[in-house]
Amino acid sequence: MAKLEIELVKSPIGYKPDQRSTVKALGLRKIRDKVVKDDTPQIRGMIEKIKHLVRVREIEKGE
């Protein structure tokens, strides 16, 4: 299964509470924090909700 590297690039302060909760649920706390998650429809939906706050990179199996 492919993996996604998600990096928080913008602060969620000033955005809706559900967007701040999504950032927290992904495990992102500070700007430039990175997490690696499986590429699932649930994670893709979370990313879609906060796409203006994060940068996403697909990780191949060899990386």
PDB file of N, CA and C in Angstrom:
ATOM      1  N   MET A   1       0.844  -1.181   0.000  1.00  0.00           N
ATOM      2  CA  MET A   1       0.000   0.000   0.000  1.00  0.00           C
ATOM      3  C   MET A   1       0.886   1.240   0.000  1.00  0.00           C
ATOM      4  N   ALA A   2       0.479   2.218  -0.764  1.00  0.00           N
ATOM      5  CA  ALA A   2       1.237   3.462  -0.841  1.00  0.00           C
ATOM      6  C   ALA A   2       1.108   4.238   0.467  1.00  0.00           C
ATOM      7  N   LYS A   3       2.068   5.090   0.699  1.00  0.00           N
ATOM      8  CA  LYS A   3       2.066   5.926   1.894  1.00  0.00           C
ATOM      9  C   LYS A   3       2.020   7.391   1.471  1.00  0.00           C
ATOM     10  N   LEU A   4       1.530   8.223   2.369  1.00  0.00           N
ATOM     11  CA  LEU A   4       1.477   9.657   2.138  1.00  0.00           C
ATOM     12  C   LEU A   4       2.243  10.361   3.240  1.00  0.00           C
ATOM     13  N   GLU A   5       3.112  11.292   2.859  1.00  0.00           N
ATOM     14  CA  GLU A   5       3.786  12.141   3.826  1.00  0.00           C
ATOM     15  C   GLU A   5       3.016  13.466   3.856  1.00  0.00           C
ATOM     16  N   ILE A   6       2.489  13.800   5.016  1.00  0.00           N
ATOM     17  CA  ILE A   6       1.671  15.002   5.172  1.00  0.00           C
ATOM     18  C   ILE A   6       2.431  15.981   6.048  1.00  0.00           C
ATOM     19  N   GLU A   7       2.608  17.205   5.557  1.00  0.00           N
ATOM     20  CA  GLU A   7       3.342  18.240   6.278  1.00  0.00           C
ATOM     21  C   GLU A   7       2.431  19.441   6.501  1.00  0.00           C
ATOM     22  N   LEU A   8       2.381  19.918   7.740  1.00  0.00           N
ATOM     23  CA  LEU A   8       1.602  21.110   8.064  1.00  0.00           C
ATOM     24  C   LEU A   8       2.419  22.334   7.660  1.00  0.00           C
ATOM     25  N   VAL A   9       1.887  23.139   6.734  1.00  0.00           N
ATOM     26  CA  VAL A   9       2.632  24.299   6.236  1.00  0.00           C
ATOM     27  C   VAL A   9       2.000  25.622   6.628  1.00  0.00           C
ATOM     28  N   LYS A  10       0.781  25.576   7.184  1.00  0.00           N
ATOM     29  CA  LYS A  10       0.099  26.804   7.581  1.00  0.00           C
ATOM     30  C   LYS A  10      -0.637  26.540   8.886  1.00  0.00           C
ATOM     31  N   SER A  11      -0.672  27.530   9.754  1.00  0.00           N
ATOM     32  CA  SER A  11      -1.317  27.388  11.053  1.00  0.00           C
ATOM     33  C   SER A  11      -2.836  27.273  10.908  1.00  0.00           C
ATOM     34  N   PRO A  12      -3.449  26.371  11.683  1.00  0.00           N
ATOM     35  CA  PRO A  12      -4.905  26.244  11.649  1.00  0.00           C
ATOM     36  C   PRO A  12      -5.627  27.296  12.499  1.00  0.00           C
ATOM     37  N   ILE A  13      -4.881  28.170  13.165  1.00  0.00           N
ATOM     38  CA  ILE A  13      -5.503  29.213  13.988  1.00  0.00           C
ATOM     39  C   ILE A  13      -6.335  30.123  13.082  1.00  0.00           C
ATOM     40  N   GLY A  14      -7.553  30.390  13.502  1.00  0.00           N
ATOM     41  CA  GLY A  14      -8.438  31.253  12.739  1.00  0.00           C
ATOM     42  C   GLY A  14      -9.332  30.506  11.773  1.00  0.00           C
ATOM     43  N   TYR A  15      -9.163  29.189  11.672  1.00  0.00           N
ATOM     44  CA  TYR A  15     -10.019  28.380  10.813  1.00  0.00           C
ATOM     45  C   TYR A  15     -11.086  27.689  11.653  1.00  0.00           C
ATOM     46  N   LYS A  16     -12.039  27.075  11.004  1.00  0.00           N
ATOM     47  CA  LYS A  16     -13.160  26.441  11.686  1.00  0.00           C
ATOM     48  C   LYS A  16     -12.679  25.348  12.640  1.00  0.00           C
ATOM     49  N   PRO A  17     -13.409  25.139  13.738  1.00  0.00           N
ATOM     50  CA  PRO A  17     -13.013  24.112  14.716  1.00  0.00           C
ATOM     51  C   PRO A  17     -12.889  22.711  14.121  1.00  0.00           C
ATOM     52  N   ASP A  18     -13.726  22.365  13.147  1.00  0.00           N
ATOM     53  CA  ASP A  18     -13.617  21.032  12.561  1.00  0.00           C
ATOM     54  C   ASP A  18     -12.327  20.878  11.757  1.00  0.00           C
ATOM     55  N   GLN A  19     -11.841  21.955  11.166  1.00  0.00           N
ATOM     56  CA  GLN A  19     -10.571  21.884  10.444  1.00  0.00           C
ATOM     57  C   GLN A  19      -9.407  21.758  11.427  1.00  0.00           C
ATOM     58  N   ARG A  20      -9.478  22.473  12.532  1.00  0.00           N
ATOM     59  CA  ARG A  20      -8.433  22.355  13.560  1.00  0.00           C
ATOM     60  C   ARG A  20      -8.423  20.939  14.143  1.00  0.00           C
ATOM     61  N   SER A  21      -9.600  20.360  14.320  1.00  0.00           N
ATOM     62  CA  SER A  21      -9.704  18.992  14.835  1.00  0.00           C
ATOM     63  C   SER A  21      -9.121  17.985  13.855  1.00  0.00           C
ATOM     64  N   THR A  22      -9.317  18.219  12.572  1.00  0.00           N
ATOM     65  CA  THR A  22      -8.772  17.328  11.549  1.00  0.00           C
ATOM     66  C   THR A  22      -7.250  17.361  11.564  1.00  0.00           C
ATOM     67  N   VAL A  23      -6.672  18.548  11.711  1.00  0.00           N
ATOM     68  CA  VAL A  23      -5.210  18.679  11.801  1.00  0.00           C
ATOM     69  C   VAL A  23      -4.707  17.885  13.002  1.00  0.00           C
ATOM     70  N   LYS A  24      -5.369  18.023  14.126  1.00  0.00           N
ATOM     71  CA  LYS A  24      -4.972  17.320  15.350  1.00  0.00           C
ATOM     72  C   LYS A  24      -5.138  15.810  15.192  1.00  0.00           C
ATOM     73  N   ALA A  25      -6.228  15.378  14.551  1.00  0.00           N
ATOM     74  CA  ALA A  25      -6.490  13.954  14.353  1.00  0.00           C
ATOM     75  C   ALA A  25      -5.433  13.297  13.463  1.00  0.00           C
ATOM     76  N   LEU A  26      -4.858  14.063  12.557  1.00  0.00           N
ATOM     77  CA  LEU A  26      -3.781  13.532  11.716  1.00  0.00           C
ATOM     78  C   LEU A  26      -2.464  13.442  12.477  1.00  0.00           C
ATOM     79  N   GLY A  27      -2.401  14.035  13.654  1.00  0.00           N
ATOM     80  CA  GLY A  27      -1.181  13.983  14.452  1.00  0.00           C
ATOM     81  C   GLY A  27      -0.243  15.138  14.196  1.00  0.00           C
ATOM     82  N   LEU A  28      -0.749  16.207  13.609  1.00  0.00           N
ATOM     83  CA  LEU A  28       0.071  17.381  13.317  1.00  0.00           C
ATOM     84  C   LEU A  28      -0.122  18.411  14.416  1.00  0.00           C
ATOM     85  N   ARG A  29       0.983  18.918  14.965  1.00  0.00           N
ATOM     86  CA  ARG A  29       0.903  19.876  16.054  1.00  0.00           C
ATOM     87  C   ARG A  29       1.466  21.237  15.684  1.00  0.00           C
ATOM     88  N   LYS A  30       2.658  21.239  15.126  1.00  0.00           N
ATOM     89  CA  LYS A  30       3.342  22.497  14.821  1.00  0.00           C
ATOM     90  C   LYS A  30       3.578  22.602  13.317  1.00  0.00           C
ATOM     91  N   ILE A  31       3.812  23.817  12.864  1.00  0.00           N
ATOM     92  CA  ILE A  31       4.146  24.017  11.460  1.00  0.00           C
ATOM     93  C   ILE A  31       5.447  23.259  11.164  1.00  0.00           C
ATOM     94  N   ARG A  32       5.499  22.649  10.021  1.00  0.00           N
ATOM     95  CA  ARG A  32       6.590  21.801   9.543  1.00  0.00           C
ATOM     96  C   ARG A  32       6.612  20.417  10.181  1.00  0.00           C
ATOM     97  N   ASP A  33       5.618  20.074  10.988  1.00  0.00           N
ATOM     98  CA  ASP A  33       5.477  18.697  11.462  1.00  0.00           C
ATOM     99  C   ASP A  33       5.117  17.826  10.268  1.00  0.00           C
ATOM    100  N   LYS A  34       5.660  16.612  10.246  1.00  0.00           N
ATOM    101  CA  LYS A  34       5.352  15.668   9.178  1.00  0.00           C
ATOM    102  C   LYS A  34       4.884  14.361   9.791  1.00  0.00           C
ATOM    103  N   VAL A  35       3.914  13.733   9.145  1.00  0.00           N
ATOM    104  CA  VAL A  35       3.461  12.401   9.524  1.00  0.00           C
ATOM    105  C   VAL A  35       3.361  11.563   8.256  1.00  0.00           C
ATOM    106  N   VAL A  36       3.516  10.267   8.421  1.00  0.00           N
ATOM    107  CA  VAL A  36       3.373   9.340   7.302  1.00  0.00           C
ATOM    108  C   VAL A  36       2.166   8.468   7.598  1.00  0.00           C
ATOM    109  N   LYS A  37       1.227   8.448   6.680  1.00  0.00           N
ATOM    110  CA  LYS A  37      -0.026   7.691   6.831  1.00  0.00           C
ATOM    111  C   LYS A  37      -0.239   6.818   5.606  1.00  0.00           C
ATOM    112  N   ASP A  38      -1.003   5.725   5.797  1.00  0.00           N
ATOM    113  CA  ASP A  38      -1.403   4.892   4.665  1.00  0.00           C
ATOM    114  C   ASP A  38      -2.340   5.683   3.761  1.00  0.00           C
ATOM    115  N   ASP A  39      -2.277   5.394   2.477  1.00  0.00           N
ATOM    116  CA  ASP A  39      -3.128   6.068   1.499  1.00  0.00           C
ATOM    117  C   ASP A  39      -4.490   5.368   1.473  1.00  0.00           C
ATOM    118  N   THR A  40      -5.409   5.842   2.312  1.00  0.00           N
ATOM    119  CA  THR A  40      -6.753   5.273   2.379  1.00  0.00           C
ATOM    120  C   THR A  40      -7.769   6.364   2.036  1.00  0.00           C
ATOM    121  N   PRO A  41      -8.986   5.968   1.694  1.00  0.00           N
ATOM    122  CA  PRO A  41     -10.017   6.972   1.403  1.00  0.00           C
ATOM    123  C   PRO A  41     -10.296   7.894   2.595  1.00  0.00           C
ATOM    124  N   GLN A  42     -10.194   7.373   3.820  1.00  0.00           N
ATOM    125  CA  GLN A  42     -10.441   8.189   5.000  1.00  0.00           C
ATOM    126  C   GLN A  42      -9.385   9.277   5.147  1.00  0.00           C
ATOM    127  N   ILE A  43      -8.128   8.913   4.958  1.00  0.00           N
ATOM    128  CA  ILE A  43      -7.038   9.888   5.060  1.00  0.00           C
ATOM    129  C   ILE A  43      -7.136  10.902   3.918  1.00  0.00           C
ATOM    130  N   ARG A  44      -7.470  10.438   2.720  1.00  0.00           N
ATOM    131  CA  ARG A  44      -7.637  11.358   1.584  1.00  0.00           C
ATOM    132  C   ARG A  44      -8.748  12.367   1.862  1.00  0.00           C
ATOM    133  N   GLY A  45      -9.834  11.930   2.498  1.00  0.00           N
ATOM    134  CA  GLY A  45     -10.919  12.836   2.847  1.00  0.00           C
ATOM    135  C   GLY A  45     -10.483  13.883   3.851  1.00  0.00           C
ATOM    136  N   MET A  46      -9.679  13.467   4.834  1.00  0.00           N
ATOM    137  CA  MET A  46      -9.162  14.407   5.823  1.00  0.00           C
ATOM    138  C   MET A  46      -8.256  15.439   5.157  1.00  0.00           C
ATOM    139  N   ILE A  47      -7.417  14.969   4.243  1.00  0.00           N
ATOM    140  CA  ILE A  47      -6.509  15.872   3.527  1.00  0.00           C
ATOM    141  C   ILE A  47      -7.311  16.861   2.688  1.00  0.00           C
ATOM    142  N   GLU A  48      -8.358  16.393   2.038  1.00  0.00           N
ATOM    143  CA  GLU A  48      -9.193  17.269   1.207  1.00  0.00           C
ATOM    144  C   GLU A  48      -9.803  18.394   2.042  1.00  0.00           C
ATOM    145  N   LYS A  49     -10.152  18.081   3.271  1.00  0.00           N
ATOM    146  CA  LYS A  49     -10.783  19.063   4.147  1.00  0.00           C
ATOM    147  C   LYS A  49      -9.818  20.185   4.548  1.00  0.00           C
ATOM    148  N   ILE A  50      -8.521  19.853   4.654  1.00  0.00           N
ATOM    149  CA  ILE A  50      -7.535  20.845   5.099  1.00  0.00           C
ATOM    150  C   ILE A  50      -6.429  21.040   4.063  1.00  0.00           C
ATOM    151  N   LYS A  51      -6.754  20.875   2.793  1.00  0.00           N
ATOM    152  CA  LYS A  51      -5.741  20.953   1.735  1.00  0.00           C
ATOM    153  C   LYS A  51      -5.043  22.306   1.671  1.00  0.00           C
ATOM    154  N   HIS A  52      -5.676  23.353   2.187  1.00  0.00           N
ATOM    155  CA  HIS A  52      -5.077  24.686   2.182  1.00  0.00           C
ATOM    156  C   HIS A  52      -4.062  24.857   3.318  1.00  0.00           C
ATOM    157  N   LEU A  53      -3.956  23.878   4.211  1.00  0.00           N
ATOM    158  CA  LEU A  53      -3.042  23.964   5.350  1.00  0.00           C
ATOM    159  C   LEU A  53      -1.870  22.987   5.257  1.00  0.00           C
ATOM    160  N   VAL A  54      -1.946  22.019   4.349  1.00  0.00           N
ATOM    161  CA  VAL A  54      -0.937  20.950   4.310  1.00  0.00           C
ATOM    162  C   VAL A  54      -0.318  20.796   2.928  1.00  0.00           C
ATOM    163  N   ARG A  55       0.827  20.133   2.914  1.00  0.00           N
ATOM    164  CA  ARG A  55       1.492  19.714   1.680  1.00  0.00           C
ATOM    165  C   ARG A  55       1.573  18.191   1.750  1.00  0.00           C
ATOM    166  N   VAL A  56       1.205  17.526   0.663  1.00  0.00           N
ATOM    167  CA  VAL A  56       1.154  16.068   0.642  1.00  0.00           C
ATOM    168  C   VAL A  56       2.097  15.539  -0.424  1.00  0.00           C
ATOM    169  N   ARG A  57       2.813  14.476  -0.060  1.00  0.00           N
ATOM    170  CA  ARG A  57       3.738  13.838  -1.005  1.00  0.00           C
ATOM    171  C   ARG A  57       3.533  12.337  -0.924  1.00  0.00           C
ATOM    172  N   GLU A  58       3.422  11.691  -2.072  1.00  0.00           N
ATOM    173  CA  GLU A  58       3.281  10.237  -2.102  1.00  0.00           C
ATOM    174  C   GLU A  58       4.651   9.608  -1.953  1.00  0.00           C
ATOM    175  N   ILE A  59       4.730   8.587  -1.123  1.00  0.00           N
ATOM    176  CA  ILE A  59       5.994   7.881  -0.894  1.00  0.00           C
ATOM    177  C   ILE A  59       5.888   6.516  -1.556  1.00  0.00           C
ATOM    178  N   GLU A  60       6.857   6.211  -2.377  1.00  0.00           N
ATOM    179  CA  GLU A  60       6.891   4.894  -3.028  1.00  0.00           C
ATOM    180  C   GLU A  60       7.422   3.871  -2.037  1.00  0.00           C
ATOM    181  N   LYS A  61       7.227   2.596  -2.342  1.00  0.00           N
ATOM    182  CA  LYS A  61       7.658   1.536  -1.423  1.00  0.00           C
ATOM    183  C   LYS A  61       9.158   1.538  -1.179  1.00  0.00           C
ATOM    184  N   GLY A  62       9.944   1.942  -2.161  1.00  0.00           N
ATOM    185  CA  GLY A  62      11.387   1.914  -2.040  1.00  0.00           C
ATOM    186  C   GLY A  62      11.976   3.031  -1.194  1.00  0.00           C
ATOM    187  N   GLU A  63      11.213   4.054  -0.892  1.00  0.00           N
ATOM    188  CA  GLU A  63      11.745   5.213  -0.165  1.00  0.00           C
ATOM    189  C   GLU A  63      11.778   4.976   1.311  1.00  0.00           C
TER     190      GLU A  63
END
